[in-house]
Amino acid sequence: MSGGFFDYDQYKIGYIADEIEKIIERNGRKKTDEELKEGFFPHNWYIDNPKDLYFYEYPQQVIMQFKIAVVMLRQAQVYAHRIDWLLSGDDSEESFIKRLEKDLKNL
């Protein structure tokens, strides 16, 4: 059966972690030409608004909390996934514990 108890929503947790990691990586960085094209502003907008050439820059204290959140979200995704498989009958209690420990170790 391979899970399904939570309608595979545990992957949404991973998506949130991925998006936060993108924000961390982009923090204060100048946007590439491709990223500027994806934006909502016409190209001449940036002449009068040069700050919009850069991604928003969060203070390092905030970025540190984002990094902690990513770790916690990755752990939450593992827990949700392993519990999903247990409740769906794919894992026994014994394999649940073993796989949970292994997955958490691999983070």
C-alpha atoms as a PDB file:
ATOM      1  CA  MET A   1       0.000   0.000   0.000  1.00  0.00           C
ATOM      2  CA  SER A   2       2.924   2.380   0.754  1.00  0.00           C
ATOM      3  CA  GLY A   3       1.263   4.874   2.998  1.00  0.00           C
ATOM      4  CA  GLY A   4      -1.719   7.084   2.376  1.00  0.00           C
ATOM      5  CA  PHE A   5      -3.129   7.410   5.879  1.00  0.00           C
ATOM      6  CA  PHE A   6      -2.395  11.160   5.796  1.00  0.00           C
ATOM      7  CA  ASP A   7      -3.171  11.452   2.061  1.00  0.00           C
ATOM      8  CA  TYR A   8       0.579  11.900   1.467  1.00  0.00           C
ATOM      9  CA  ASP A   9       0.393  15.375   3.012  1.00  0.00           C
ATOM     10  CA  GLN A  10       3.755  14.797   4.709  1.00  0.00           C
ATOM     11  CA  TYR A  11       5.316  15.895   1.420  1.00  0.00           C
ATOM     12  CA  LYS A  12       3.795  19.349   1.938  1.00  0.00           C
ATOM     13  CA  ILE A  13       5.993  19.679   5.016  1.00  0.00           C
ATOM     14  CA  GLY A  14       9.027  19.014   2.825  1.00  0.00           C
ATOM     15  CA  TYR A  15       7.807  21.588   0.319  1.00  0.00           C
ATOM     16  CA  ILE A  16       7.620  24.224   3.060  1.00  0.00           C
ATOM     17  CA  ALA A  17      11.177  23.372   4.155  1.00  0.00           C
ATOM     18  CA  ASP A  18      12.347  23.633   0.529  1.00  0.00           C
ATOM     19  CA  GLU A  19      10.758  27.066   0.150  1.00  0.00           C
ATOM     20  CA  ILE A  20      12.363  28.345   3.366  1.00  0.00           C
ATOM     21  CA  GLU A  21      15.734  27.076   2.126  1.00  0.00           C
ATOM     22  CA  LYS A  22      15.240  29.093  -1.074  1.00  0.00           C
ATOM     23  CA  ILE A  23      14.567  32.214   0.980  1.00  0.00           C
ATOM     24  CA  ILE A  24      17.733  31.577   3.018  1.00  0.00           C
ATOM     25  CA  GLU A  25      19.798  31.079  -0.143  1.00  0.00           C
ATOM     26  CA  ARG A  26      18.412  34.228  -1.782  1.00  0.00           C
ATOM     27  CA  ASN A  27      18.652  36.430   1.305  1.00  0.00           C
ATOM     28  CA  GLY A  28      19.800  39.862   0.123  1.00  0.00           C
ATOM     29  CA  ARG A  29      21.228  38.411  -3.113  1.00  0.00           C
ATOM     30  CA  LYS A  30      20.992  40.275  -6.390  1.00  0.00           C
ATOM     31  CA  LYS A  31      18.387  38.749  -8.691  1.00  0.00           C
ATOM     32  CA  THR A  32      19.563  37.106 -11.894  1.00  0.00           C
ATOM     33  CA  ASP A  33      18.244  38.279 -15.261  1.00  0.00           C
ATOM     34  CA  GLU A  34      16.017  35.206 -15.353  1.00  0.00           C
ATOM     35  CA  GLU A  35      14.615  35.975 -11.899  1.00  0.00           C
ATOM     36  CA  LEU A  36      13.965  39.572 -12.948  1.00  0.00           C
ATOM     37  CA  LYS A  37      12.017  38.325 -15.981  1.00  0.00           C
ATOM     38  CA  GLU A  38       9.878  36.161 -13.681  1.00  0.00           C
ATOM     39  CA  GLY A  39       8.937  39.255 -11.653  1.00  0.00           C
ATOM     40  CA  PHE A  40       5.880  41.453 -11.990  1.00  0.00           C
ATOM     41  CA  PHE A  41       7.637  44.684 -12.893  1.00  0.00           C
ATOM     42  CA  PRO A  42       8.543  46.007 -16.335  1.00  0.00           C
ATOM     43  CA  HIS A  43      12.317  46.145 -16.862  1.00  0.00           C
ATOM     44  CA  ASN A  44      12.442  49.970 -16.614  1.00  0.00           C
ATOM     45  CA  TRP A  45      10.905  49.728 -13.138  1.00  0.00           C
ATOM     46  CA  TYR A  46      14.332  48.932 -11.703  1.00  0.00           C
ATOM     47  CA  ILE A  47      15.785  52.280 -12.815  1.00  0.00           C
ATOM     48  CA  ASP A  48      13.585  54.090 -10.301  1.00  0.00           C
ATOM     49  CA  ASN A  49      13.533  51.200  -7.803  1.00  0.00           C
ATOM     50  CA  PRO A  50      17.042  49.708  -7.706  1.00  0.00           C
ATOM     51  CA  LYS A  51      16.401  48.010  -4.341  1.00  0.00           C
ATOM     52  CA  ASP A  52      14.025  45.657  -6.166  1.00  0.00           C
ATOM     53  CA  LEU A  53      17.022  44.238  -8.047  1.00  0.00           C
ATOM     54  CA  TYR A  54      17.752  42.333  -4.823  1.00  0.00           C
ATOM     55  CA  PHE A  55      15.825  39.812  -2.800  1.00  0.00           C
ATOM     56  CA  TYR A  56      14.645  41.013   0.578  1.00  0.00           C
ATOM     57  CA  GLU A  57      17.392  40.782   3.187  1.00  0.00           C
ATOM     58  CA  TYR A  58      16.358  39.366   6.526  1.00  0.00           C
ATOM     59  CA  PRO A  59      18.545  39.983   9.576  1.00  0.00           C
ATOM     60  CA  GLN A  60      20.889  37.117  10.516  1.00  0.00           C
ATOM     61  CA  GLN A  61      18.821  36.422  13.645  1.00  0.00           C
ATOM     62  CA  VAL A  62      15.822  35.720  11.423  1.00  0.00           C
ATOM     63  CA  ILE A  63      17.876  33.600   9.017  1.00  0.00           C
ATOM     64  CA  MET A  64      19.145  31.551  11.960  1.00  0.00           C
ATOM     65  CA  GLN A  65      15.546  30.852  13.007  1.00  0.00           C
ATOM     66  CA  PHE A  66      14.694  29.913   9.404  1.00  0.00           C
ATOM     67  CA  LYS A  67      17.546  27.382   9.479  1.00  0.00           C
ATOM     68  CA  ILE A  68      16.274  25.915  12.738  1.00  0.00           C
ATOM     69  CA  ALA A  69      12.778  25.727  11.248  1.00  0.00           C
ATOM     70  CA  VAL A  70      14.097  23.810   8.219  1.00  0.00           C
ATOM     71  CA  VAL A  71      15.687  21.202  10.492  1.00  0.00           C
ATOM     72  CA  MET A  72      12.503  20.853  12.520  1.00  0.00           C
ATOM     73  CA  LEU A  73      10.327  20.631   9.417  1.00  0.00           C
ATOM     74  CA  ARG A  74      12.566  17.924   7.928  1.00  0.00           C
ATOM     75  CA  GLN A  75      12.235  15.998  11.188  1.00  0.00           C
ATOM     76  CA  ALA A  76       8.469  16.508  11.186  1.00  0.00           C
ATOM     77  CA  GLN A  77       8.271  15.202   7.631  1.00  0.00           C
ATOM     78  CA  VAL A  78      10.194  12.058   8.604  1.00  0.00           C
ATOM     79  CA  TYR A  79       7.948  11.470  11.609  1.00  0.00           C
ATOM     80  CA  ALA A  80       4.788  12.002   9.559  1.00  0.00           C
ATOM     81  CA  HIS A  81       6.043   9.681   6.816  1.00  0.00           C
ATOM     82  CA  ARG A  82       7.056   6.876   9.154  1.00  0.00           C
ATOM     83  CA  ILE A  83       3.808   7.152  11.159  1.00  0.00           C
ATOM     84  CA  ASP A  84       1.867   7.179   7.894  1.00  0.00           C
ATOM     85  CA  TRP A  85       3.448   3.881   6.889  1.00  0.00           C
ATOM     86  CA  LEU A  86       2.807   2.380  10.327  1.00  0.00           C
ATOM     87  CA  LEU A  87      -0.859   3.406  10.372  1.00  0.00           C
ATOM     88  CA  SER A  88      -1.305   2.233   6.778  1.00  0.00           C
ATOM     89  CA  GLY A  89      -0.039  -1.219   7.682  1.00  0.00           C
ATOM     90  CA  ASP A  90       3.163  -1.011   5.639  1.00  0.00           C
ATOM     91  CA  ASP A  91       5.407  -1.140   8.705  1.00  0.00           C
ATOM     92  CA  SER A  92       5.199  -3.108  11.934  1.00  0.00           C
ATOM     93  CA  GLU A  93       5.922  -1.326  15.206  1.00  0.00           C
ATOM     94  CA  GLU A  94       9.425  -2.816  15.122  1.00  0.00           C
ATOM     95  CA  SER A  95      10.211  -1.703  11.563  1.00  0.00           C
ATOM     96  CA  PHE A  96       8.633   1.692  12.329  1.00  0.00           C
ATOM     97  CA  ILE A  97      11.171   2.309  15.107  1.00  0.00           C
ATOM     98  CA  LYS A  98      14.117   1.042  13.027  1.00  0.00           C
ATOM     99  CA  ARG A  99      13.176   3.040   9.936  1.00  0.00           C
ATOM    100  CA  LEU A 100      12.411   6.152  11.969  1.00  0.00           C
ATOM    101  CA  GLU A 101      15.819   6.030  13.647  1.00  0.00           C
ATOM    102  CA  LYS A 102      17.554   5.418  10.307  1.00  0.00           C
ATOM    103  CA  ASP A 103      15.686   8.231   8.519  1.00  0.00           C
ATOM    104  CA  LEU A 104      16.358  10.712  11.326  1.00  0.00           C
ATOM    105  CA  LYS A 105      20.031   9.754  11.342  1.00  0.00           C
ATOM    106  CA  ASN A 106      20.211  10.365   7.573  1.00  0.00           C
ATOM    107  CA  LEU A 107      18.951  13.940   7.846  1.00  0.00           C
END
